Amino acid sequence: MDLTSLLSSFASAFSQHQRLLTLQLDGGNIAAEQLLPHTLDGSEGVSQAYRYQLSCLSPDGNIELKSLLGVAARLGVLDADGSQVVRCGVVSRAELLGSDGGFAKYGLTIEPPFALLRLRRTSRVFQDLSVP
């Protein structure tokens, strides 16, 4: 086995093809091969926004976290019957959970776009005005 076939076998092992969890990011800066979904923890409820916390593995430990924030994300979960449940949202939080030299572990929080409204601040200043 030569070096090129060995490297291609490692590259093909790090793909999302036929996995229970799939992740697609719409930003264009991060390819699907750079973040491989590892674990998923989430909550959904009636009259409340969903929130999914996803941990991903990556061979690149230098992904800029700011480039992940606000990016549209498509999360696919494969059911027992073979159908895929899809949830779409935006990345509202990104963090580096650690690395061991070979792989880096990233944490992503995926929420609906309206969940970002909680980060908004509105204020007014009434300077040199009298109170009626």
C-alpha atoms as a PDB file:
ATOM      1  CA  MET A   1       0.000   0.000   0.000  1.00  0.00           C
ATOM      2  CA  ASP A   2       1.553   3.274  -1.085  1.00  0.00           C
ATOM      3  CA  LEU A   3       1.251   6.606   0.673  1.00  0.00           C
ATOM      4  CA  THR A   4      -1.372   8.122  -1.641  1.00  0.00           C
ATOM      5  CA  SER A   5      -3.808   5.223  -1.196  1.00  0.00           C
ATOM      6  CA  LEU A   6      -3.257   5.333   2.561  1.00  0.00           C
ATOM      7  CA  LEU A   7      -4.000   9.062   2.677  1.00  0.00           C
ATOM      8  CA  SER A   8      -7.085   8.667   0.503  1.00  0.00           C
ATOM      9  CA  SER A   9      -8.413   5.938   2.808  1.00  0.00           C
ATOM     10  CA  PHE A  10      -8.091   8.290   5.787  1.00  0.00           C
ATOM     11  CA  ALA A  11      -9.772  11.100   3.860  1.00  0.00           C
ATOM     12  CA  SER A  12     -12.696   8.885   2.874  1.00  0.00           C
ATOM     13  CA  ALA A  13     -13.170   7.744   6.478  1.00  0.00           C
ATOM     14  CA  PHE A  14     -13.703  11.356   7.530  1.00  0.00           C
ATOM     15  CA  SER A  15     -16.920  11.988   5.626  1.00  0.00           C
ATOM     16  CA  GLN A  16     -20.589  12.347   6.480  1.00  0.00           C
ATOM     17  CA  HIS A  17     -21.738   9.734   3.982  1.00  0.00           C
ATOM     18  CA  GLN A  18     -24.003   7.101   5.618  1.00  0.00           C
ATOM     19  CA  ARG A  19     -23.770   8.554   9.130  1.00  0.00           C
ATOM     20  CA  LEU A  20     -26.574   8.973  11.657  1.00  0.00           C
ATOM     21  CA  LEU A  21     -25.829  12.693  12.012  1.00  0.00           C
ATOM     22  CA  THR A  22     -25.143  15.008   9.098  1.00  0.00           C
ATOM     23  CA  LEU A  23     -24.349  18.709   9.143  1.00  0.00           C
ATOM     24  CA  GLN A  24     -24.385  21.185   6.270  1.00  0.00           C
ATOM     25  CA  LEU A  25     -23.261  24.755   6.799  1.00  0.00           C
ATOM     26  CA  ASP A  26     -24.277  27.451   4.345  1.00  0.00           C
ATOM     27  CA  GLY A  27     -21.446  29.894   4.912  1.00  0.00           C
ATOM     28  CA  GLY A  28     -19.128  28.551   2.252  1.00  0.00           C
ATOM     29  CA  ASN A  29     -16.033  29.065   4.422  1.00  0.00           C
ATOM     30  CA  ILE A  30     -16.290  25.713   6.192  1.00  0.00           C
ATOM     31  CA  ALA A  31     -16.612  22.580   4.060  1.00  0.00           C
ATOM     32  CA  ALA A  32     -18.686  19.611   5.175  1.00  0.00           C
ATOM     33  CA  GLU A  33     -15.508  17.540   5.414  1.00  0.00           C
ATOM     34  CA  GLN A  34     -14.022  19.887   8.008  1.00  0.00           C
ATOM     35  CA  LEU A  35     -16.691  19.345  10.676  1.00  0.00           C
ATOM     36  CA  LEU A  36     -17.909  15.825  11.350  1.00  0.00           C
ATOM     37  CA  PRO A  37     -20.896  15.646  13.758  1.00  0.00           C
ATOM     38  CA  HIS A  38     -20.100  13.479  16.769  1.00  0.00           C
ATOM     39  CA  THR A  39     -22.818  13.904  19.424  1.00  0.00           C
ATOM     40  CA  LEU A  40     -26.134  15.732  19.558  1.00  0.00           C
ATOM     41  CA  ASP A  41     -28.095  16.974  22.552  1.00  0.00           C
ATOM     42  CA  GLY A  42     -31.226  19.003  22.037  1.00  0.00           C
ATOM     43  CA  SER A  43     -34.560  20.133  23.346  1.00  0.00           C
ATOM     44  CA  GLU A  44     -37.844  20.955  21.648  1.00  0.00           C
ATOM     45  CA  GLY A  45     -41.117  22.023  23.185  1.00  0.00           C
ATOM     46  CA  VAL A  46     -44.512  23.470  22.506  1.00  0.00           C
ATOM     47  CA  SER A  47     -44.397  27.280  22.255  1.00  0.00           C
ATOM     48  CA  GLN A  48     -40.645  27.421  22.779  1.00  0.00           C
ATOM     49  CA  ALA A  49     -37.684  27.501  20.447  1.00  0.00           C
ATOM     50  CA  TYR A  50     -35.635  24.393  19.823  1.00  0.00           C
ATOM     51  CA  ARG A  51     -31.986  24.307  20.816  1.00  0.00           C
ATOM     52  CA  TYR A  52     -29.464  21.727  19.652  1.00  0.00           C
ATOM     53  CA  GLN A  53     -25.961  21.411  21.036  1.00  0.00           C
ATOM     54  CA  LEU A  54     -23.734  19.579  18.637  1.00  0.00           C
ATOM     55  CA  SER A  55     -20.167  18.462  19.143  1.00  0.00           C
ATOM     56  CA  CYS A  56     -18.090  18.011  16.004  1.00  0.00           C
ATOM     57  CA  LEU A  57     -14.677  16.572  15.237  1.00  0.00           C
ATOM     58  CA  SER A  58     -12.313  18.259  12.831  1.00  0.00           C
ATOM     59  CA  PRO A  59      -8.805  17.578  11.551  1.00  0.00           C
ATOM     60  CA  ASP A  60      -8.323  21.366  11.503  1.00  0.00           C
ATOM     61  CA  GLY A  61      -7.774  22.926  14.922  1.00  0.00           C
ATOM     62  CA  ASN A  62      -7.564  26.453  13.530  1.00  0.00           C
ATOM     63  CA  ILE A  63     -11.125  27.080  12.363  1.00  0.00           C
ATOM     64  CA  GLU A  64     -12.014  30.676  13.131  1.00  0.00           C
ATOM     65  CA  LEU A  65     -15.014  30.582  15.466  1.00  0.00           C
ATOM     66  CA  LYS A  66     -16.345  33.941  14.249  1.00  0.00           C
ATOM     67  CA  SER A  67     -16.766  32.459  10.787  1.00  0.00           C
ATOM     68  CA  LEU A  68     -19.249  29.929  12.204  1.00  0.00           C
ATOM     69  CA  LEU A  69     -21.512  32.384  14.047  1.00  0.00           C
ATOM     70  CA  GLY A  70     -24.757  33.263  12.280  1.00  0.00           C
ATOM     71  CA  VAL A  71     -24.205  30.677   9.562  1.00  0.00           C
ATOM     72  CA  ALA A  72     -27.272  28.786   8.357  1.00  0.00           C
ATOM     73  CA  ALA A  73     -27.083  25.129   9.366  1.00  0.00           C
ATOM     74  CA  ARG A  74     -28.954  22.025   8.253  1.00  0.00           C
ATOM     75  CA  LEU A  75     -28.870  19.159  10.735  1.00  0.00           C
ATOM     76  CA  GLY A  76     -30.006  15.705   9.623  1.00  0.00           C
ATOM     77  CA  VAL A  77     -30.767  12.836  12.010  1.00  0.00           C
ATOM     78  CA  LEU A  78     -31.329   9.348  10.620  1.00  0.00           C
ATOM     79  CA  ASP A  79     -34.269   7.458  12.167  1.00  0.00           C
ATOM     80  CA  ALA A  80     -34.474   3.723  12.815  1.00  0.00           C
ATOM     81  CA  ASP A  81     -36.662   3.236   9.733  1.00  0.00           C
ATOM     82  CA  GLY A  82     -34.086   4.925   7.483  1.00  0.00           C
ATOM     83  CA  SER A  83     -35.834   8.261   7.056  1.00  0.00           C
ATOM     84  CA  GLN A  84     -34.014  11.462   7.836  1.00  0.00           C
ATOM     85  CA  VAL A  85     -35.384  14.147  10.153  1.00  0.00           C
ATOM     86  CA  VAL A  86     -34.066  17.564   9.152  1.00  0.00           C
ATOM     87  CA  ARG A  87     -33.795  20.627  11.381  1.00  0.00           C
ATOM     88  CA  CYS A  88     -32.635  23.970  10.033  1.00  0.00           C
ATOM     89  CA  GLY A  89     -31.394  26.948  12.012  1.00  0.00           C
ATOM     90  CA  VAL A  90     -28.417  29.197  12.572  1.00  0.00           C
ATOM     91  CA  VAL A  91     -25.275  28.691  14.606  1.00  0.00           C
ATOM     92  CA  SER A  92     -25.732  30.906  17.660  1.00  0.00           C
ATOM     93  CA  ARG A  93     -22.675  29.717  19.590  1.00  0.00           C
ATOM     94  CA  ALA A  94     -19.374  28.142  18.574  1.00  0.00           C
ATOM     95  CA  GLU A  95     -16.556  27.044  20.851  1.00  0.00           C
ATOM     96  CA  LEU A  96     -13.404  24.979  20.741  1.00  0.00           C
ATOM     97  CA  LEU A  97     -13.809  22.155  23.251  1.00  0.00           C
ATOM     98  CA  GLY A  98     -10.249  20.894  23.002  1.00  0.00           C
ATOM     99  CA  SER A  99      -7.763  19.140  20.782  1.00  0.00           C
ATOM    100  CA  ASP A 100      -5.265  16.336  21.088  1.00  0.00           C
ATOM    101  CA  GLY A 101      -2.964  17.132  18.213  1.00  0.00           C
ATOM    102  CA  GLY A 102      -4.762  14.933  15.686  1.00  0.00           C
ATOM    103  CA  PHE A 103      -8.337  16.117  15.978  1.00  0.00           C
ATOM    104  CA  ALA A 104     -10.042  19.160  17.427  1.00  0.00           C
ATOM    105  CA  LYS A 105     -13.470  19.042  19.056  1.00  0.00           C
ATOM    106  CA  TYR A 106     -15.851  21.937  18.427  1.00  0.00           C
ATOM    107  CA  GLY A 107     -19.166  22.719  20.087  1.00  0.00           C
ATOM    108  CA  LEU A 108     -21.957  24.316  18.055  1.00  0.00           C
ATOM    109  CA  THR A 109     -25.355  25.509  19.255  1.00  0.00           C
ATOM    110  CA  ILE A 110     -28.048  25.557  16.569  1.00  0.00           C
ATOM    111  CA  GLU A 111     -31.230  27.552  17.146  1.00  0.00           C
ATOM    112  CA  PRO A 112     -33.964  29.110  14.991  1.00  0.00           C
ATOM    113  CA  PRO A 113     -33.125  32.560  13.584  1.00  0.00           C
ATOM    114  CA  PHE A 114     -35.682  34.245  15.857  1.00  0.00           C
ATOM    115  CA  ALA A 115     -33.750  33.031  18.916  1.00  0.00           C
ATOM    116  CA  LEU A 116     -31.054  35.575  18.077  1.00  0.00           C
ATOM    117  CA  LEU A 117     -33.472  38.375  18.958  1.00  0.00           C
ATOM    118  CA  ARG A 118     -32.751  37.772  22.647  1.00  0.00           C
ATOM    119  CA  LEU A 119     -29.282  39.219  22.046  1.00  0.00           C
ATOM    120  CA  ARG A 120     -30.727  42.537  20.875  1.00  0.00           C
ATOM    121  CA  ARG A 121     -30.463  45.622  23.038  1.00  0.00           C
ATOM    122  CA  THR A 122     -32.593  48.721  22.481  1.00  0.00           C
ATOM    123  CA  SER A 123     -32.083  51.943  24.374  1.00  0.00           C
ATOM    124  CA  ARG A 124     -32.903  55.612  23.955  1.00  0.00           C
ATOM    125  CA  VAL A 125     -31.243  58.677  25.364  1.00  0.00           C
ATOM    126  CA  PHE A 126     -33.353  61.773  26.039  1.00  0.00           C
ATOM    127  CA  GLN A 127     -30.727  64.421  26.654  1.00  0.00           C
ATOM    128  CA  ASP A 128     -31.672  68.006  27.566  1.00  0.00           C
ATOM    129  CA  LEU A 129     -35.409  67.271  27.406  1.00  0.00           C
ATOM    130  CA  SER A 130     -37.925  68.052  30.112  1.00  0.00           C
ATOM    131  CA  VAL A 131     -40.426  65.577  31.474  1.00  0.00           C
ATOM    132  CA  PRO A 132     -44.025  66.735  30.741  1.00  0.00           C
END
